[in-house]
Amino acid sequence: MSPIGTTDDAVAAAPAAGPPTSATADNRRRALLRGLPWLVWHRHRAFLRTGLLVTLAACALFAYQRIGVMEFLDRKGATPDAEGQLLNDFHNHFGSAFALDAEFLQFLPLFVGIFLGAPLIASEQEHGTLKLVTTQSVSRGRWIAATLGLPLAVAALCTGLLSAAFTWLWTPARNLALGGDWLTGGAFDITGPIPVATTLFLTACGIAIGMLVKRTVPAMAATTVFAVVASVIWSAKVRDRLGTLRSVSYPYDGGGPDLPPGSVRIDEWVSTADGKLYGYGTCVNSDAEACRAKLGIVNRVTQYFDYEQMAGMQWLGAGTLLALTAVVLAFVVWRAHRRPL
C-alpha cells in the first residue's frame, strides 16, 4: 500500500477533466495546498467553497445596506427623540433587514458547528476512511493538524469578515438598530470578536462530539442540543457578568435618570440614604409612604451598562470562549494520539 503523500501526489499529477480554466484553478489550489491540506480541502470543498461564497455575498449586502442607512442618518439624525418618531421611522425602513441580518449571524456559528464540526472526524470514522489514513506513512499528529487547521481557519476567516462588515453597518445606527439595545437586542453576540470565538467554540465542540459518537447524524443531533444549551447558559448566566454594572441614584419622587447615550438598563432598585438596596416593588401597597419611612427609603437606583463597556465585555467573552476552544481541541488532539480511532 502506497504512502498517503504518494497517493496525493498521484492525484495531483493526474490530468484534470474539464475546460482549461478549471484545470488552471485546480493547479493553483494544489500549489497552495499540498499533501494533507489538499486532501482535507478536497473532502470538504463543497462546504468550504459555499462558506466563502456566502461570506462574500453577505459582505456585499451589508455594504449595500449601509449606503441606505447612512443616507437616512444624514437626513434625520442618529439620536432617538423623546416621542420615538425617529426610532419608528428607522424601524419601518430598516427593521426587517436588520432583523434578518441578525438572525443569519446568530445562527451561523450553530450551522458551522453542526455541518462542518460534527461530521469532520465522525464521517471519517463512520465510513472507515480514517483507518486507511492512519495506516499510511502520515503520523497522527500531521493528520490531526491538517484536519483541524484548514477548516477552523476558513471558519474563522469567514465569520471574522462577516462580523467586521456587519459591525461597520450597525455602528452608525447603534442607537436605532435592533431596538437600540446592544446587549439583549442581539448586537453584542454578532459584532466584534464574539462571532469568531463562538463559531470556533461550537465547531471544536462539534468535532469532539463527532469523535466520541463516531456517527455523523447522531453527532450532528448531539451538537445541536449542546449548542442550544450553551446558548441558553451564555444568555442567562454569562453575558451580563462580563462587565461591572454602573449605578445612578435619584430622588424617589423625582424624574428618571439621565443615562449616557447607548446605555442599556439592567435593573431597578429603591434604596436608603446610605445606599442599602431593596427590590423595586418594595413599599408599593396602600401603606407605601409609612413603609418607606420605616425602612428609610428615599432614592431610586438604576443599574446599567454603558456603551463604552461593550468592547471590553466582548473581548472578555471572546477570550473565555477561545480558552474553552483550546481546551476542547487539546482533548481532540490527545484522544487522536492516545485512543483508537
Foldseek 3Di string as FASTA:
>chain_A
DAFQLVVQVVVLPDDDDDDPVVNVVSVVVCVVAHGLLVVLCVVCVVVLVVLVVVLVVLLVVLVVVLVVVVVLCVVPNQAADPVRPSLVVCCVVCVVVLVVLLVCLVCVLLVCLQPPQQCLVLVCLQVVVVVVNCVHPDDLVVNLCSSPPPSLVSLLVSLVSSQASNCVSCVRNCCRYLVNACQVSRVLCRHDLNSSLSSLLLSLVSNLLSVVVSHRPVSSVVSNVVSVVVVVCCNPPNLVPLDDWDKDKDWPPDDDDDDDRSKDWDAKWWAAPVGHTDHPPQQPDPRSVVRCVVVRTTIMMIIIDHPVCSNSSSVSVSVVSVVSSVVSSVVVSVCSVPHDD
